[in-house]
Amino acid sequence: MRGEMANSPRRTAAVKIGSTSVAVLVADRMAEPLFQHLWVLGLMDAPDPQERLAPILQQLASEVGPATLVGVGEVGRRRPELTGWLETQRWPVWQLSGREEARCTWWGVQAGLQQAATVIDVGGGSTEVSDGTDAVSWPYGAAAPPTTDSWAVPPGLTARVHHLVAVGGTARALASIAHQEAMLSRAQLTAWVTAPEGLVRMGAAHHVAPARLPLLAGGARSLLCTLTLLGADDVEVSDAGLLQGLWLAARLGRVPHAR
């Protein structure tokens, strides 16, 4: 593997650092990864996120070389000391705003679709939505679920809702529990929100990562709130997301804030 990547002059490597997970994608072509992996670290609530992250980055530097781009989302916005530490380690950091994160996630999902999509990314501390024309970031997520569904929706966003796609580790975990062929409905999400203990038990039975189990109910509530805001009844769940968008942005040189 390392020899193959070393002989690949167009190799692009992107790392996504999220509130719950850290992921890496190394590829010549996005659809054919040379190396891809995910670690569930729970950086948002970690007493020392740098201590948890350091061995992962050391492993990546050793196994796949330096990343072309390291994208940091909500965890960096809430814990700026983490972004500052990454910069001292000389990683090429892009601290994304909420809207940048939404648009970058849309790129990653839309690149693999044949039809226009509106993309929902439920993270640990925020939820992003983009339809490629507009983007919004709401300050609720799986670790901080909403207590109301009265958030402001950008004018025109609901009128342009296309094929609806949800991304992120919690959304994928919920889809695996639902046995719905990567589809989630408002009815299913409502049932989970009213019985969160049962949802956690089902998650454990489906081998959801222990660090993600406490986030399932909050993720279901956040996704339900988002569907309500968008006036939608169901949503497809995709394996693509911010990581693929970061890879594509690095490939195209569309990273104006990276240093």
Protein backbone atom coordinates (compact mmCIF):
# COMPACT_ATOMS: atom_id res chain seq x y z
CA MET A 1 0.00 0.00 0.00
CA ARG A 2 2.66 2.52 0.98
CA GLY A 3 4.71 1.71 -2.11
CA GLU A 4 1.66 2.14 -4.33
CA MET A 5 0.88 5.53 -2.81
CA ALA A 6 4.51 6.65 -2.99
CA ASN A 7 4.48 5.96 -6.74
CA SER A 8 1.31 7.98 -7.29
CA PRO A 9 2.25 11.56 -8.28
CA ARG A 10 -1.35 12.80 -8.18
CA ARG A 11 -2.14 11.35 -4.76
CA THR A 12 -4.32 13.63 -2.64
CA ALA A 13 -4.77 13.10 1.11
CA ALA A 14 -7.48 14.79 3.18
CA VAL A 15 -8.27 14.50 6.89
CA LYS A 16 -11.57 15.44 8.53
CA ILE A 17 -11.47 16.28 12.22
CA GLY A 18 -15.00 16.24 13.64
CA SER A 19 -16.60 16.46 17.04
CA THR A 20 -17.00 12.69 17.29
CA SER A 21 -14.75 11.15 14.65
CA VAL A 22 -11.56 11.69 12.68
CA ALA A 23 -11.31 10.28 9.15
CA VAL A 24 -8.73 10.17 6.37
CA LEU A 25 -9.03 9.63 2.62
CA VAL A 26 -6.00 9.09 0.38
CA ALA A 27 -6.73 8.59 -3.32
CA ASP A 28 -5.83 9.26 -6.91
CA ARG A 29 -9.56 9.16 -7.68
CA MET A 30 -12.17 9.85 -5.00
CA ALA A 31 -14.18 6.73 -5.85
CA GLU A 32 -11.13 4.46 -5.59
CA PRO A 33 -9.37 5.13 -2.26
CA LEU A 34 -5.82 3.97 -1.73
CA PHE A 35 -6.35 4.35 2.01
CA GLN A 36 -9.42 5.29 4.04
CA HIS A 37 -10.06 4.97 7.76
CA LEU A 38 -12.13 6.40 10.59
CA TRP A 39 -11.46 6.73 14.32
CA VAL A 40 -14.19 7.56 16.88
CA LEU A 41 -12.41 9.84 19.37
CA GLY A 42 -15.04 12.14 20.89
CA LEU A 43 -12.86 15.24 20.73
CA MET A 44 -15.60 17.72 21.65
CA ASP A 45 -15.83 16.54 25.26
CA ALA A 46 -12.29 15.25 25.73
CA PRO A 47 -10.34 16.93 28.57
CA ASP A 48 -7.30 17.11 26.27
CA PRO A 49 -8.32 16.64 22.60
CA GLN A 50 -4.75 17.20 21.44
CA GLU A 51 -3.57 14.20 23.48
CA ARG A 52 -6.19 11.97 21.82
CA LEU A 53 -5.47 13.30 18.35
CA ALA A 54 -1.65 13.29 18.44
CA PRO A 55 -1.10 9.51 18.02
CA ILE A 56 -3.57 9.40 15.10
CA LEU A 57 -1.72 12.16 13.26
CA GLN A 58 1.62 10.52 14.02
CA GLN A 59 0.29 7.26 12.59
CA LEU A 60 -0.93 9.03 9.45
CA ALA A 61 2.35 10.85 8.95
CA SER A 62 4.17 7.53 9.24
CA GLU A 63 1.85 5.40 7.09
CA VAL A 64 0.55 7.73 4.37
CA GLY A 65 2.69 10.85 4.64
CA PRO A 66 1.50 14.41 5.35
CA ALA A 67 -2.06 15.31 4.44
CA THR A 68 -2.78 17.76 1.64
CA LEU A 69 -5.53 19.26 3.77
CA VAL A 70 -6.86 18.91 7.32
CA GLY A 71 -10.40 20.24 7.66
CA VAL A 72 -11.69 21.14 11.11
CA GLY A 73 -15.39 21.81 11.66
CA GLU A 74 -17.53 22.51 14.72
CA VAL A 75 -15.01 21.07 17.20
CA GLY A 76 -12.50 23.70 16.10
CA ARG A 77 -15.06 26.48 16.31
CA ARG A 78 -15.92 25.49 19.90
CA ARG A 79 -12.41 24.49 20.96
CA PRO A 80 -10.05 26.88 19.14
CA GLU A 81 -7.08 25.61 21.14
CA LEU A 82 -7.27 22.43 19.05
CA THR A 83 -6.91 24.34 15.77
CA GLY A 84 -4.08 26.39 17.22
CA TRP A 85 -2.26 23.23 18.25
CA LEU A 86 -2.66 21.71 14.78
CA GLU A 87 -1.11 24.79 13.24
CA THR A 88 1.89 24.54 15.59
CA GLN A 89 2.31 20.95 14.34
CA ARG A 90 2.50 22.35 10.77
CA TRP A 91 -0.52 20.47 9.44
CA PRO A 92 -2.28 22.29 6.55
CA VAL A 93 -5.37 23.34 8.53
CA TRP A 94 -8.60 24.72 7.10
CA GLN A 95 -10.84 25.92 9.92
CA LEU A 96 -14.23 25.85 8.22
CA SER A 97 -17.07 28.16 9.14
CA GLY A 98 -20.49 26.55 9.40
CA ARG A 99 -21.47 27.65 5.89
CA GLU A 100 -18.13 26.50 4.44
CA GLU A 101 -18.61 23.13 6.11
CA ALA A 102 -22.11 22.85 4.63
CA ARG A 103 -20.94 23.68 1.11
CA CYS A 104 -17.91 21.40 1.31
CA THR A 105 -20.10 18.50 2.46
CA TRP A 106 -22.47 19.19 -0.44
CA TRP A 107 -19.56 18.96 -2.90
CA GLY A 108 -18.55 15.58 -1.51
CA VAL A 109 -22.05 14.11 -1.73
CA GLN A 110 -23.13 15.68 -5.02
CA ALA A 111 -20.00 14.44 -6.79
CA GLY A 112 -21.31 10.88 -6.53
CA LEU A 113 -24.94 11.55 -7.47
CA GLN A 114 -26.77 11.74 -10.79
CA GLN A 115 -29.44 14.15 -9.52
CA ALA A 116 -29.45 17.40 -7.57
CA ALA A 117 -29.46 16.96 -3.79
CA THR A 118 -30.04 18.91 -0.62
CA VAL A 119 -27.57 17.61 1.96
CA ILE A 120 -28.01 17.45 5.75
CA ASP A 121 -24.95 16.85 7.94
CA VAL A 122 -25.82 16.17 11.58
CA GLY A 123 -22.60 16.52 13.56
CA GLY A 124 -21.93 16.48 17.26
CA GLY A 125 -22.41 20.18 17.93
CA SER A 126 -23.96 21.57 14.75
CA THR A 127 -26.13 20.65 11.78
CA GLU A 128 -25.37 21.92 8.29
CA VAL A 129 -27.69 22.02 5.26
CA SER A 130 -26.81 22.98 1.69
CA ASP A 131 -28.49 22.67 -1.68
CA GLY A 132 -25.49 23.94 -3.61
CA THR A 133 -27.03 27.41 -3.93
CA ASP A 134 -27.44 28.31 -0.27
CA ALA A 135 -26.10 26.91 2.98
CA VAL A 136 -26.92 27.17 6.67
CA SER A 137 -25.42 25.92 9.93
CA TRP A 138 -27.64 25.49 12.98
CA PRO A 139 -26.12 25.24 16.50
CA TYR A 140 -27.61 21.88 17.39
CA GLY A 141 -26.40 18.33 16.87
CA ALA A 142 -26.19 14.84 18.27
CA ALA A 143 -24.34 15.98 21.41
CA ALA A 144 -26.47 19.13 21.82
CA PRO A 145 -29.93 18.34 20.41
CA PRO A 146 -32.47 21.08 19.71
CA THR A 147 -35.17 22.00 22.21
CA THR A 148 -37.23 23.80 19.56
CA ASP A 149 -37.84 23.57 15.83
CA SER A 150 -38.16 27.32 15.26
CA TRP A 151 -34.72 27.98 13.74
CA ALA A 152 -34.62 30.44 10.86
CA VAL A 153 -34.44 28.85 7.41
CA PRO A 154 -32.72 30.86 4.63
CA PRO A 155 -35.27 32.30 2.19
CA GLY A 156 -35.75 29.99 -0.77
CA LEU A 157 -33.99 26.98 0.74
CA THR A 158 -37.16 24.96 1.35
CA ALA A 159 -38.49 25.91 -2.09
CA ARG A 160 -35.37 24.38 -3.62
CA VAL A 161 -35.29 21.17 -1.57
CA HIS A 162 -34.25 18.46 -3.99
CA HIS A 163 -33.53 14.83 -3.32
CA LEU A 164 -32.72 14.91 0.43
CA VAL A 165 -29.54 13.19 1.67
CA ALA A 166 -28.26 12.89 5.24
CA VAL A 167 -24.60 12.25 6.05
CA GLY A 168 -22.43 11.73 9.11
CA GLY A 169 -21.63 8.88 11.45
CA THR A 170 -24.77 9.22 13.57
CA ALA A 171 -27.06 9.27 10.53
CA ARG A 172 -25.35 6.15 9.18
CA ALA A 173 -25.71 4.43 12.55
CA LEU A 174 -29.43 5.25 12.66
CA ALA A 175 -29.91 3.89 9.13
CA SER A 176 -28.20 0.63 10.07
CA ILE A 177 -30.54 0.26 13.05
CA ALA A 178 -33.61 1.03 10.94
CA HIS A 179 -32.95 -1.68 8.31
CA GLN A 180 -34.41 0.77 5.77
CA GLU A 181 -31.85 0.41 2.98
CA ALA A 182 -30.24 3.73 3.91
CA MET A 183 -33.56 5.60 4.29
CA LEU A 184 -34.95 7.30 7.39
CA SER A 185 -38.47 8.66 7.86
CA ARG A 186 -39.97 11.25 10.18
CA ALA A 187 -42.20 8.52 11.64
CA GLN A 188 -39.19 6.35 12.52
CA LEU A 189 -37.25 9.28 13.97
CA THR A 190 -40.27 10.35 16.03
CA ALA A 191 -40.58 6.85 17.50
CA TRP A 192 -36.92 6.88 18.51
CA VAL A 193 -37.12 10.35 20.02
CA THR A 194 -40.00 9.21 22.26
CA ALA A 195 -38.14 6.05 23.36
CA PRO A 196 -34.42 6.95 23.53
CA GLU A 197 -33.47 4.09 25.88
CA GLY A 198 -34.71 1.54 23.37
CA LEU A 199 -32.75 3.27 20.62
CA VAL A 200 -29.53 2.94 22.61
CA ARG A 201 -30.20 -0.76 23.21
CA MET A 202 -30.77 -1.31 19.50
CA GLY A 203 -27.59 0.59 18.73
CA ALA A 204 -25.58 -1.67 21.01
CA ALA A 205 -27.14 -4.74 19.38
CA HIS A 206 -26.10 -3.37 15.97
CA HIS A 207 -22.52 -2.88 17.16
CA VAL A 208 -22.58 0.91 17.02
CA ALA A 209 -19.30 2.26 18.44
CA PRO A 210 -19.63 2.76 22.23
CA ALA A 211 -18.61 6.41 21.96
CA ARG A 212 -21.48 7.01 19.52
CA LEU A 213 -24.25 5.27 21.50
CA PRO A 214 -24.98 8.31 23.75
CA LEU A 215 -25.35 10.44 20.60
CA LEU A 216 -28.03 8.36 18.88
CA ALA A 217 -31.06 9.96 20.55
CA GLY A 218 -29.68 13.48 20.07
CA GLY A 219 -28.88 12.67 16.47
CA ALA A 220 -32.41 11.39 15.86
CA ARG A 221 -33.89 14.52 17.44
CA SER A 222 -31.61 16.79 15.40
CA LEU A 223 -32.43 15.03 12.14
CA LEU A 224 -36.16 15.09 12.95
CA CYS A 225 -35.97 18.83 13.67
CA THR A 226 -34.16 19.41 10.37
CA LEU A 227 -36.71 17.46 8.34
CA THR A 228 -39.46 19.49 10.02
CA LEU A 229 -37.71 22.77 9.14
CA LEU A 230 -37.32 21.65 5.52
CA GLY A 231 -40.86 20.31 5.25
CA ALA A 232 -39.64 16.81 4.30
CA ASP A 233 -40.92 13.37 5.32
CA ASP A 234 -37.91 11.16 4.66
CA VAL A 235 -34.24 11.27 3.82
CA GLU A 236 -31.68 9.02 2.16
CA VAL A 237 -28.45 8.31 4.07
CA SER A 238 -25.12 8.44 2.22
CA ASP A 239 -21.63 7.19 3.02
CA ALA A 240 -20.12 10.30 1.44
CA GLY A 241 -19.82 13.60 3.26
CA LEU A 242 -17.40 16.25 4.48
CA LEU A 243 -14.33 14.01 4.07
CA GLN A 244 -15.01 13.55 0.35
CA GLY A 245 -15.72 17.27 0.00
CA LEU A 246 -12.39 18.11 1.63
CA TRP A 247 -10.61 15.71 -0.70
CA LEU A 248 -12.27 17.32 -3.71
CA ALA A 249 -11.51 20.83 -2.46
CA ALA A 250 -7.85 19.91 -1.99
CA ARG A 251 -7.73 18.32 -5.44
CA LEU A 252 -9.16 21.46 -7.07
CA GLY A 253 -7.20 23.92 -4.94
CA ARG A 254 -10.39 25.44 -3.54
CA VAL A 255 -9.13 25.95 0.01
CA PRO A 256 -8.69 29.71 0.44
CA HIS A 257 -8.37 29.60 4.22
CA ALA A 258 -5.90 26.72 4.45
CA ARG A 259 -2.47 27.71 5.75
